[in-house]
């Protein structure tokens, strides 16, 4: 890549993670953008909020964290997710009929998509027909060389075999965790070792990278010519909210700035481990963390 900041966007849910004692801004695609921005990218969040206090506050949070945004106001409340932590691991109650379910296709978003170096999306924001159409239109606008990063991010009942298949056909990078791989095995009738299944998906969908994370055990990154496996570091966990998105943002930024697959994987692991030691999905970075 030429000597410039990569432009990295996330399209989908923007919401408040509401914990018993606090609330934190979040949403997987926006978390991805936050972490890429902290690494040094020019990041932009594409989503929608309501014309309410929660919406105004979350837009201020984006601006405070130097995240450009393409956020529209719609006639639905700003998204919220109720989060409960059990030994640091989150469970979620996701509010329905919220702003990011009605993500409009704007000229501003189309223009942004036409310039991105990477665009992140998932299944959750595609639960509604309106946002699904917008997300897919923006993927079609992206440059041919852009990384189209599908973080499957299965939540509740907000996915289907058809949705996953169609998303994989649009993507060239795919990220999932070990529990999600179990779900895909059952859904698609996939057989063989994890490596065989992952390699099979890479070939079937023409992927540039496939990332498989396994929580506190290890993570594996596949490319057509390489496989990188790195154990997960042992850290004192505050919570794991946003750790997977931190991994994704750091990996994509590192690849786009010329790092090898192994170097990008190592940085992604280190950033995700750091996020696990902090509360919430958007902890501030120190300079030493991004060197």
C-alpha atoms as a PDB file:
ATOM      1  CA  UNK A   1       0.000   0.000   0.000  1.00  0.00           C
ATOM      2  CA  UNK A   2       1.186   3.495  -0.730  1.00  0.00           C
ATOM      3  CA  UNK A   3       2.339   5.623   2.193  1.00  0.00           C
ATOM      4  CA  UNK A   4      -1.039   6.635   3.579  1.00  0.00           C
ATOM      5  CA  UNK A   5      -3.426   5.591   6.266  1.00  0.00           C
ATOM      6  CA  UNK A   6      -5.660   2.717   5.163  1.00  0.00           C
ATOM      7  CA  UNK A   7      -9.353   3.572   5.086  1.00  0.00           C
ATOM      8  CA  UNK A   8     -11.248   0.972   7.099  1.00  0.00           C
ATOM      9  CA  UNK A   9     -15.029   1.013   7.529  1.00  0.00           C
ATOM     10  CA  UNK A  10     -17.531  -1.035   9.483  1.00  0.00           C
ATOM     11  CA  UNK A  11     -21.190  -1.209   8.505  1.00  0.00           C
ATOM     12  CA  UNK A  12     -23.935  -2.474  10.789  1.00  0.00           C
ATOM     13  CA  UNK A  13     -24.940  -2.250  14.407  1.00  0.00           C
ATOM     14  CA  UNK A  14     -24.035   0.744  16.573  1.00  0.00           C
ATOM     15  CA  UNK A  15     -25.365   0.430  20.098  1.00  0.00           C
ATOM     16  CA  UNK A  16     -24.915   0.789  23.803  1.00  0.00           C
ATOM     17  CA  UNK A  17     -23.737  -2.304  25.662  1.00  0.00           C
ATOM     18  CA  UNK A  18     -25.650  -1.836  28.914  1.00  0.00           C
ATOM     19  CA  UNK A  19     -24.003  -3.593  31.858  1.00  0.00           C
ATOM     20  CA  UNK A  20     -25.581  -3.809  35.324  1.00  0.00           C
ATOM     21  CA  UNK A  21     -23.445  -0.882  36.542  1.00  0.00           C
ATOM     22  CA  UNK A  22     -22.502   1.059  33.407  1.00  0.00           C
ATOM     23  CA  UNK A  23     -22.947   1.410  29.662  1.00  0.00           C
ATOM     24  CA  UNK A  24     -20.326   1.331  26.912  1.00  0.00           C
ATOM     25  CA  UNK A  25     -20.527   2.170  23.221  1.00  0.00           C
ATOM     26  CA  UNK A  26     -20.242  -0.875  20.994  1.00  0.00           C
ATOM     27  CA  UNK A  27     -21.457  -2.982  18.089  1.00  0.00           C
ATOM     28  CA  UNK A  28     -19.096  -5.402  16.343  1.00  0.00           C
ATOM     29  CA  UNK A  29     -18.466  -3.476  13.077  1.00  0.00           C
ATOM     30  CA  UNK A  30     -17.912  -0.228  14.982  1.00  0.00           C
ATOM     31  CA  UNK A  31     -15.666  -1.987  17.511  1.00  0.00           C
ATOM     32  CA  UNK A  32     -13.632  -3.207  14.539  1.00  0.00           C
ATOM     33  CA  UNK A  33     -13.303   0.366  13.291  1.00  0.00           C
ATOM     34  CA  UNK A  34     -12.354   1.655  16.751  1.00  0.00           C
ATOM     35  CA  UNK A  35      -9.455  -0.772  17.068  1.00  0.00           C
ATOM     36  CA  UNK A  36      -8.225  -0.210  13.517  1.00  0.00           C
ATOM     37  CA  UNK A  37      -8.321   3.533  14.240  1.00  0.00           C
ATOM     38  CA  UNK A  38      -6.336   3.084  17.435  1.00  0.00           C
ATOM     39  CA  UNK A  39      -3.738   1.198  15.409  1.00  0.00           C
ATOM     40  CA  UNK A  40      -3.428   4.138  12.998  1.00  0.00           C
ATOM     41  CA  UNK A  41      -6.093   3.658  10.324  1.00  0.00           C
ATOM     42  CA  UNK A  42      -8.587   6.201   9.128  1.00  0.00           C
ATOM     43  CA  UNK A  43     -11.759   4.558  10.377  1.00  0.00           C
ATOM     44  CA  UNK A  44     -15.391   5.244   9.571  1.00  0.00           C
ATOM     45  CA  UNK A  45     -18.535   3.788  11.125  1.00  0.00           C
ATOM     46  CA  UNK A  46     -21.632   3.347   8.953  1.00  0.00           C
ATOM     47  CA  UNK A  47     -24.820   2.929  10.963  1.00  0.00           C
ATOM     48  CA  UNK A  48     -27.955   4.637  12.253  1.00  0.00           C
ATOM     49  CA  UNK A  49     -29.180   6.058  15.544  1.00  0.00           C
ATOM     50  CA  UNK A  50     -32.462   7.374  16.819  1.00  0.00           C
ATOM     51  CA  UNK A  51     -33.319  11.015  17.327  1.00  0.00           C
ATOM     52  CA  UNK A  52     -32.824  10.579  21.067  1.00  0.00           C
ATOM     53  CA  UNK A  53     -30.348  11.248  23.861  1.00  0.00           C
ATOM     54  CA  UNK A  54     -28.698   7.829  23.496  1.00  0.00           C
ATOM     55  CA  UNK A  55     -28.088   8.535  19.804  1.00  0.00           C
ATOM     56  CA  UNK A  56     -26.569  11.957  20.371  1.00  0.00           C
ATOM     57  CA  UNK A  57     -24.348  10.571  23.104  1.00  0.00           C
ATOM     58  CA  UNK A  58     -23.016   7.671  21.058  1.00  0.00           C
ATOM     59  CA  UNK A  59     -22.169   9.967  18.132  1.00  0.00           C
ATOM     60  CA  UNK A  60     -20.198  12.126  20.564  1.00  0.00           C
ATOM     61  CA  UNK A  61     -18.361   8.974  21.677  1.00  0.00           C
ATOM     62  CA  UNK A  62     -17.370   8.240  18.074  1.00  0.00           C
ATOM     63  CA  UNK A  63     -16.096  11.780  17.571  1.00  0.00           C
ATOM     64  CA  UNK A  64     -14.203  11.739  20.874  1.00  0.00           C
ATOM     65  CA  UNK A  65     -12.405   8.594  19.710  1.00  0.00           C
ATOM     66  CA  UNK A  66     -11.518  10.078  16.291  1.00  0.00           C
ATOM     67  CA  UNK A  67     -13.847   7.741  14.413  1.00  0.00           C
ATOM     68  CA  UNK A  68     -15.313   9.328  11.311  1.00  0.00           C
ATOM     69  CA  UNK A  69     -18.925   8.436  10.923  1.00  0.00           C
ATOM     70  CA  UNK A  70     -21.637   8.080   8.368  1.00  0.00           C
ATOM     71  CA  UNK A  71     -24.473   7.922  10.887  1.00  0.00           C
ATOM     72  CA  UNK A  72     -28.044   8.647   9.895  1.00  0.00           C
ATOM     73  CA  UNK A  73     -30.922   9.513  12.214  1.00  0.00           C
ATOM     74  CA  UNK A  74     -33.994   7.344  11.703  1.00  0.00           C
ATOM     75  CA  UNK A  75     -37.397   7.060  13.349  1.00  0.00           C
ATOM     76  CA  UNK A  76     -36.449   4.193  15.632  1.00  0.00           C
ATOM     77  CA  UNK A  77     -34.670   4.205  19.006  1.00  0.00           C
ATOM     78  CA  UNK A  78     -30.902   3.952  19.279  1.00  0.00           C
ATOM     79  CA  UNK A  79     -29.786   0.349  19.711  1.00  0.00           C
ATOM     80  CA  UNK A  80     -29.126  -1.211  23.097  1.00  0.00           C
ATOM     81  CA  UNK A  81     -27.868  -4.594  24.230  1.00  0.00           C
ATOM     82  CA  UNK A  82     -28.225  -5.773  27.823  1.00  0.00           C
ATOM     83  CA  UNK A  83     -24.997  -7.507  28.841  1.00  0.00           C
ATOM     84  CA  UNK A  84     -24.529  -9.912  31.720  1.00  0.00           C
ATOM     85  CA  UNK A  85     -21.056 -11.164  32.636  1.00  0.00           C
ATOM     86  CA  UNK A  86     -20.409 -14.644  33.975  1.00  0.00           C
ATOM     87  CA  UNK A  87     -16.758 -15.005  35.031  1.00  0.00           C
ATOM     88  CA  UNK A  88     -15.835 -12.388  32.448  1.00  0.00           C
ATOM     89  CA  UNK A  89     -17.751 -13.973  29.557  1.00  0.00           C
ATOM     90  CA  UNK A  90     -20.735 -11.982  28.235  1.00  0.00           C
ATOM     91  CA  UNK A  91     -24.281 -13.017  27.447  1.00  0.00           C
ATOM     92  CA  UNK A  92     -26.536 -10.660  25.502  1.00  0.00           C
ATOM     93  CA  UNK A  93     -30.168  -9.562  25.286  1.00  0.00           C
ATOM     94  CA  UNK A  94     -30.470  -7.651  22.021  1.00  0.00           C
ATOM     95  CA  UNK A  95     -33.233  -5.093  21.596  1.00  0.00           C
ATOM     96  CA  UNK A  96     -35.239  -5.361  18.358  1.00  0.00           C
ATOM     97  CA  UNK A  97     -36.752  -2.749  16.014  1.00  0.00           C
ATOM     98  CA  UNK A  98     -33.950  -0.292  16.696  1.00  0.00           C
ATOM     99  CA  UNK A  99     -32.191   2.287  14.530  1.00  0.00           C
ATOM    100  CA  UNK A 100     -29.536   0.021  13.030  1.00  0.00           C
ATOM    101  CA  UNK A 101     -32.274  -2.287  11.736  1.00  0.00           C
ATOM    102  CA  UNK A 102     -33.203   0.578   9.382  1.00  0.00           C
ATOM    103  CA  UNK A 103     -29.838   1.554   7.935  1.00  0.00           C
ATOM    104  CA  UNK A 104     -30.502   3.744   4.873  1.00  0.00           C
ATOM    105  CA  UNK A 105     -28.422   3.641   1.715  1.00  0.00           C
ATOM    106  CA  UNK A 106     -27.073   7.177   1.367  1.00  0.00           C
ATOM    107  CA  UNK A 107     -24.824   8.768  -1.216  1.00  0.00           C
ATOM    108  CA  UNK A 108     -22.306   9.491   1.537  1.00  0.00           C
ATOM    109  CA  UNK A 109     -22.103   5.791   2.398  1.00  0.00           C
ATOM    110  CA  UNK A 110     -21.839   4.815  -1.292  1.00  0.00           C
ATOM    111  CA  UNK A 111     -18.988   7.275  -1.826  1.00  0.00           C
ATOM    112  CA  UNK A 112     -17.190   5.948   1.255  1.00  0.00           C
ATOM    113  CA  UNK A 113     -17.575   2.315   0.197  1.00  0.00           C
ATOM    114  CA  UNK A 114     -16.065   3.117  -3.179  1.00  0.00           C
ATOM    115  CA  UNK A 115     -12.798   4.173  -1.512  1.00  0.00           C
ATOM    116  CA  UNK A 116     -12.309   1.674   1.342  1.00  0.00           C
ATOM    117  CA  UNK A 117      -9.318  -0.583   1.802  1.00  0.00           C
ATOM    118  CA  UNK A 118     -11.385  -2.818   4.089  1.00  0.00           C
ATOM    119  CA  UNK A 119     -15.070  -3.102   4.948  1.00  0.00           C
ATOM    120  CA  UNK A 120     -16.327  -5.151   7.897  1.00  0.00           C
ATOM    121  CA  UNK A 121     -19.837  -6.616   8.204  1.00  0.00           C
ATOM    122  CA  UNK A 122     -21.606  -9.443  10.030  1.00  0.00           C
ATOM    123  CA  UNK A 123     -24.873 -11.328  10.319  1.00  0.00           C
ATOM    124  CA  UNK A 124     -26.577  -9.395  13.112  1.00  0.00           C
ATOM    125  CA  UNK A 125     -27.333  -6.171  11.220  1.00  0.00           C
ATOM    126  CA  UNK A 126     -28.631  -8.269   8.334  1.00  0.00           C
ATOM    127  CA  UNK A 127     -31.506  -9.536  10.476  1.00  0.00           C
ATOM    128  CA  UNK A 128     -33.679  -6.805   8.936  1.00  0.00           C
ATOM    129  CA  UNK A 129     -34.390  -6.537   5.183  1.00  0.00           C
ATOM    130  CA  UNK A 130     -33.649  -2.788   5.131  1.00  0.00           C
ATOM    131  CA  UNK A 131     -30.162  -3.029   6.608  1.00  0.00           C
ATOM    132  CA  UNK A 132     -29.401  -6.235   4.691  1.00  0.00           C
ATOM    133  CA  UNK A 133     -30.055  -4.474   1.375  1.00  0.00           C
ATOM    134  CA  UNK A 134     -27.896  -1.512   2.391  1.00  0.00           C
ATOM    135  CA  UNK A 135     -24.988  -3.679   3.532  1.00  0.00           C
ATOM    136  CA  UNK A 136     -24.991  -5.715   0.347  1.00  0.00           C
ATOM    137  CA  UNK A 137     -25.203  -2.630  -1.836  1.00  0.00           C
ATOM    138  CA  UNK A 138     -22.168  -1.146  -0.090  1.00  0.00           C
ATOM    139  CA  UNK A 139     -20.205  -4.378  -0.513  1.00  0.00           C
ATOM    140  CA  UNK A 140     -20.901  -4.166  -4.241  1.00  0.00           C
ATOM    141  CA  UNK A 141     -19.474  -0.627  -4.281  1.00  0.00           C
ATOM    142  CA  UNK A 142     -16.141  -1.572  -2.699  1.00  0.00           C
ATOM    143  CA  UNK A 143     -12.980  -1.671  -4.847  1.00  0.00           C
ATOM    144  CA  UNK A 144     -11.976  -5.083  -6.170  1.00  0.00           C
ATOM    145  CA  UNK A 145      -8.793  -5.096  -4.086  1.00  0.00           C
ATOM    146  CA  UNK A 146     -10.532  -4.215  -0.807  1.00  0.00           C
ATOM    147  CA  UNK A 147     -10.717  -6.681   2.064  1.00  0.00           C
ATOM    148  CA  UNK A 148     -14.382  -7.548   2.608  1.00  0.00           C
ATOM    149  CA  UNK A 149     -14.286  -8.867   6.157  1.00  0.00           C
ATOM    150  CA  UNK A 150     -17.196 -11.094   7.203  1.00  0.00           C
ATOM    151  CA  UNK A 151     -17.175 -11.570  10.974  1.00  0.00           C
ATOM    152  CA  UNK A 152     -20.015 -14.053  11.328  1.00  0.00           C
ATOM    153  CA  UNK A 153     -20.730 -13.041  14.954  1.00  0.00           C
ATOM    154  CA  UNK A 154     -23.707 -15.353  15.522  1.00  0.00           C
ATOM    155  CA  UNK A 155     -26.150 -13.928  18.062  1.00  0.00           C
ATOM    156  CA  UNK A 156     -29.399 -15.469  19.276  1.00  0.00           C
ATOM    157  CA  UNK A 157     -31.644 -16.552  16.407  1.00  0.00           C
ATOM    158  CA  UNK A 158     -30.569 -13.714  14.091  1.00  0.00           C
ATOM    159  CA  UNK A 159     -29.008 -15.828  11.338  1.00  0.00           C
ATOM    160  CA  UNK A 160     -29.790 -18.569   8.859  1.00  0.00           C
ATOM    161  CA  UNK A 161     -27.944 -20.915   6.530  1.00  0.00           C
ATOM    162  CA  UNK A 162     -29.040 -18.815   3.552  1.00  0.00           C
ATOM    163  CA  UNK A 163     -27.812 -15.576   5.129  1.00  0.00           C
ATOM    164  CA  UNK A 164     -24.417 -17.069   5.977  1.00  0.00           C
ATOM    165  CA  UNK A 165     -24.015 -18.599   2.511  1.00  0.00           C
ATOM    166  CA  UNK A 166     -24.863 -15.323   0.785  1.00  0.00           C
ATOM    167  CA  UNK A 167     -22.509 -13.366   3.052  1.00  0.00           C
ATOM    168  CA  UNK A 168     -19.643 -15.765   2.376  1.00  0.00           C
ATOM    169  CA  UNK A 169     -20.181 -15.291  -1.335  1.00  0.00           C
ATOM    170  CA  UNK A 170     -19.727 -11.527  -0.869  1.00  0.00           C
ATOM    171  CA  UNK A 171     -16.670 -11.764   1.408  1.00  0.00           C
ATOM    172  CA  UNK A 172     -12.977 -12.455   0.877  1.00  0.00           C
ATOM    173  CA  UNK A 173     -12.026 -12.632   4.574  1.00  0.00           C
ATOM    174  CA  UNK A 174     -13.978 -14.759   7.033  1.00  0.00           C
ATOM    175  CA  UNK A 175     -13.694 -14.825  10.830  1.00  0.00           C
ATOM    176  CA  UNK A 176     -15.431 -17.215  13.205  1.00  0.00           C
ATOM    177  CA  UNK A 177     -14.821 -18.820  16.577  1.00  0.00           C
ATOM    178  CA  UNK A 178     -14.776 -22.469  17.566  1.00  0.00           C
ATOM    179  CA  UNK A 179     -18.405 -22.469  18.748  1.00  0.00           C
ATOM    180  CA  UNK A 180     -19.500 -20.903  15.472  1.00  0.00           C
ATOM    181  CA  UNK A 181     -17.561 -23.553  13.566  1.00  0.00           C
ATOM    182  CA  UNK A 182     -19.546 -26.235  15.428  1.00  0.00           C
ATOM    183  CA  UNK A 183     -22.763 -24.489  14.362  1.00  0.00           C
ATOM    184  CA  UNK A 184     -21.602 -24.333  10.732  1.00  0.00           C
ATOM    185  CA  UNK A 185     -20.633 -28.005  10.742  1.00  0.00           C
ATOM    186  CA  UNK A 186     -24.199 -28.920  11.701  1.00  0.00           C
ATOM    187  CA  UNK A 187     -25.819 -26.359   9.401  1.00  0.00           C
ATOM    188  CA  UNK A 188     -23.788 -27.177   6.281  1.00  0.00           C
ATOM    189  CA  UNK A 189     -22.979 -30.842   6.966  1.00  0.00           C
ATOM    190  CA  UNK A 190     -19.228 -30.144   7.105  1.00  0.00           C
ATOM    191  CA  UNK A 191     -16.960 -33.080   7.935  1.00  0.00           C
ATOM    192  CA  UNK A 192     -13.255 -33.503   8.616  1.00  0.00           C
ATOM    193  CA  UNK A 193     -10.765 -31.844  10.933  1.00  0.00           C
ATOM    194  CA  UNK A 194     -11.024 -28.144  11.706  1.00  0.00           C
ATOM    195  CA  UNK A 195      -8.159 -27.523   9.302  1.00  0.00           C
ATOM    196  CA  UNK A 196      -9.844 -29.500   6.532  1.00  0.00           C
ATOM    197  CA  UNK A 197     -13.138 -27.680   7.039  1.00  0.00           C
ATOM    198  CA  UNK A 198     -11.444 -24.269   7.049  1.00  0.00           C
ATOM    199  CA  UNK A 199      -9.369 -25.049   3.974  1.00  0.00           C
ATOM    200  CA  UNK A 200     -12.508 -26.331   2.250  1.00  0.00           C
ATOM    201  CA  UNK A 201     -14.353 -23.071   2.955  1.00  0.00           C
ATOM    202  CA  UNK A 202     -11.393 -21.030   1.713  1.00  0.00           C
ATOM    203  CA  UNK A 203     -11.421 -22.872  -1.577  1.00  0.00           C
ATOM    204  CA  UNK A 204     -15.201 -22.911  -1.973  1.00  0.00           C
ATOM    205  CA  UNK A 205     -15.607 -19.171  -1.415  1.00  0.00           C
ATOM    206  CA  UNK A 206     -12.295 -17.916  -2.825  1.00  0.00           C
ATOM    207  CA  UNK A 207     -11.194 -16.404   0.494  1.00  0.00           C
ATOM    208  CA  UNK A 208      -7.937 -14.523   0.982  1.00  0.00           C
ATOM    209  CA  UNK A 209      -7.895 -15.228   4.718  1.00  0.00           C
ATOM    210  CA  UNK A 210      -9.881 -17.316   7.182  1.00  0.00           C
ATOM    211  CA  UNK A 211      -9.512 -16.645  10.903  1.00  0.00           C
ATOM    212  CA  UNK A 212     -10.558 -19.236  13.502  1.00  0.00           C
ATOM    213  CA  UNK A 213     -10.364 -18.220  17.154  1.00  0.00           C
ATOM    214  CA  UNK A 214     -10.653 -20.588  20.097  1.00  0.00           C
ATOM    215  CA  UNK A 215     -10.972 -18.336  23.130  1.00  0.00           C
ATOM    216  CA  UNK A 216      -8.326 -18.917  25.783  1.00  0.00           C
ATOM    217  CA  UNK A 217      -6.676 -21.741  23.798  1.00  0.00           C
ATOM    218  CA  UNK A 218      -5.353 -20.451  20.454  1.00  0.00           C
ATOM    219  CA  UNK A 219      -6.188 -18.816  17.139  1.00  0.00           C
ATOM    220  CA  UNK A 220      -5.420 -19.906  13.592  1.00  0.00           C
ATOM    221  CA  UNK A 221      -5.151 -17.778  10.458  1.00  0.00           C
ATOM    222  CA  UNK A 222      -5.260 -19.416   7.037  1.00  0.00           C
ATOM    223  CA  UNK A 223      -4.271 -17.964   3.692  1.00  0.00           C
ATOM    224  CA  UNK A 224      -4.078 -19.913   0.423  1.00  0.00           C
ATOM    225  CA  UNK A 225      -0.373 -20.582   1.045  1.00  0.00           C
ATOM    226  CA  UNK A 226       0.115 -20.311   4.832  1.00  0.00           C
ATOM    227  CA  UNK A 227      -1.245 -21.380   8.201  1.00  0.00           C
ATOM    228  CA  UNK A 228      -0.381 -19.510  11.398  1.00  0.00           C
ATOM    229  CA  UNK A 229      -1.259 -20.885  14.848  1.00  0.00           C
ATOM    230  CA  UNK A 230      -0.599 -18.828  17.992  1.00  0.00           C
ATOM    231  CA  UNK A 231      -1.598 -19.810  21.552  1.00  0.00           C
ATOM    232  CA  UNK A 232      -3.738 -17.291  23.441  1.00  0.00           C
ATOM    233  CA  UNK A 233      -1.696 -15.457  26.100  1.00  0.00           C
ATOM    234  CA  UNK A 234      -2.673 -15.877  29.737  1.00  0.00           C
ATOM    235  CA  UNK A 235      -3.983 -12.579  31.123  1.00  0.00           C
ATOM    236  CA  UNK A 236      -6.156 -11.412  33.990  1.00  0.00           C
ATOM    237  CA  UNK A 237      -9.539 -10.991  32.308  1.00  0.00           C
ATOM    238  CA  UNK A 238     -11.740  -7.994  33.146  1.00  0.00           C
ATOM    239  CA  UNK A 239     -14.208  -8.934  30.397  1.00  0.00           C
ATOM    240  CA  UNK A 240     -13.970 -10.269  26.850  1.00  0.00           C
ATOM    241  CA  UNK A 241     -16.376  -7.764  25.258  1.00  0.00           C
ATOM    242  CA  UNK A 242     -14.862  -6.518  22.005  1.00  0.00           C
ATOM    243  CA  UNK A 243     -11.768  -8.743  22.137  1.00  0.00           C
ATOM    244  CA  UNK A 244     -12.640 -10.534  18.905  1.00  0.00           C
ATOM    245  CA  UNK A 245     -13.263  -7.219  17.160  1.00  0.00           C
ATOM    246  CA  UNK A 246      -9.925  -5.939  18.453  1.00  0.00           C
ATOM    247  CA  UNK A 247      -8.257  -9.001  16.916  1.00  0.00           C
ATOM    248  CA  UNK A 248      -9.970  -8.272  13.602  1.00  0.00           C
ATOM    249  CA  UNK A 249      -9.119  -4.576  13.502  1.00  0.00           C
ATOM    250  CA  UNK A 250      -5.477  -5.152  14.393  1.00  0.00           C
ATOM    251  CA  UNK A 251      -5.101  -7.984  11.869  1.00  0.00           C
ATOM    252  CA  UNK A 252      -6.610  -6.050   8.968  1.00  0.00           C
ATOM    253  CA  UNK A 253      -4.646  -2.891   9.742  1.00  0.00           C
ATOM    254  CA  UNK A 254      -1.416  -4.892   9.953  1.00  0.00           C
ATOM    255  CA  UNK A 255      -2.032  -6.683   6.653  1.00  0.00           C
ATOM    256  CA  UNK A 256      -2.899  -3.433   4.899  1.00  0.00           C
ATOM    257  CA  UNK A 257       0.293  -1.788   6.148  1.00  0.00           C
ATOM    258  CA  UNK A 258       2.528  -4.516   4.761  1.00  0.00           C
ATOM    259  CA  UNK A 259       2.977  -6.941   7.632  1.00  0.00           C
ATOM    260  CA  UNK A 260       3.350 -10.645   6.909  1.00  0.00           C
ATOM    261  CA  UNK A 261       0.527 -12.990   7.845  1.00  0.00           C
ATOM    262  CA  UNK A 262       2.459 -14.165  10.917  1.00  0.00           C
ATOM    263  CA  UNK A 263       3.280 -10.606  12.011  1.00  0.00           C
ATOM    264  CA  UNK A 264      -0.322  -9.506  11.555  1.00  0.00           C
ATOM    265  CA  UNK A 265      -1.551 -12.531  13.484  1.00  0.00           C
ATOM    266  CA  UNK A 266       0.870 -11.854  16.352  1.00  0.00           C
ATOM    267  CA  UNK A 267      -0.243  -8.232  16.635  1.00  0.00           C
ATOM    268  CA  UNK A 268      -3.909  -9.262  16.554  1.00  0.00           C
ATOM    269  CA  UNK A 269      -3.367 -11.746  19.395  1.00  0.00           C
ATOM    270  CA  UNK A 270      -1.534  -9.175  21.518  1.00  0.00           C
ATOM    271  CA  UNK A 271      -4.192  -6.488  21.003  1.00  0.00           C
ATOM    272  CA  UNK A 272      -7.048  -8.891  21.792  1.00  0.00           C
ATOM    273  CA  UNK A 273      -5.285 -10.009  24.965  1.00  0.00           C
ATOM    274  CA  UNK A 274      -4.874  -6.385  26.050  1.00  0.00           C
ATOM    275  CA  UNK A 275      -8.584  -5.667  25.488  1.00  0.00           C
ATOM    276  CA  UNK A 276      -9.496  -8.631  27.705  1.00  0.00           C
ATOM    277  CA  UNK A 277      -7.697  -6.917  30.596  1.00  0.00           C
ATOM    278  CA  UNK A 278      -9.881  -3.798  30.323  1.00  0.00           C
ATOM    279  CA  UNK A 279     -13.604  -3.169  30.765  1.00  0.00           C
ATOM    280  CA  UNK A 280     -15.684  -2.538  27.664  1.00  0.00           C
ATOM    281  CA  UNK A 281     -14.964  -2.746  23.962  1.00  0.00           C
ATOM    282  CA  UNK A 282     -13.158   0.615  23.517  1.00  0.00           C
ATOM    283  CA  UNK A 283     -10.218   0.876  25.942  1.00  0.00           C
ATOM    284  CA  UNK A 284      -7.616   3.557  25.165  1.00  0.00           C
ATOM    285  CA  UNK A 285      -4.310   2.331  23.742  1.00  0.00           C
ATOM    286  CA  UNK A 286      -0.840   3.242  24.929  1.00  0.00           C
ATOM    287  CA  UNK A 287       1.874   4.082  22.401  1.00  0.00           C
ATOM    288  CA  UNK A 288       3.853   0.942  23.278  1.00  0.00           C
ATOM    289  CA  UNK A 289       0.874  -1.242  22.334  1.00  0.00           C
ATOM    290  CA  UNK A 290       0.841  -0.243  18.673  1.00  0.00           C
ATOM    291  CA  UNK A 291       4.560  -0.310  17.934  1.00  0.00           C
END
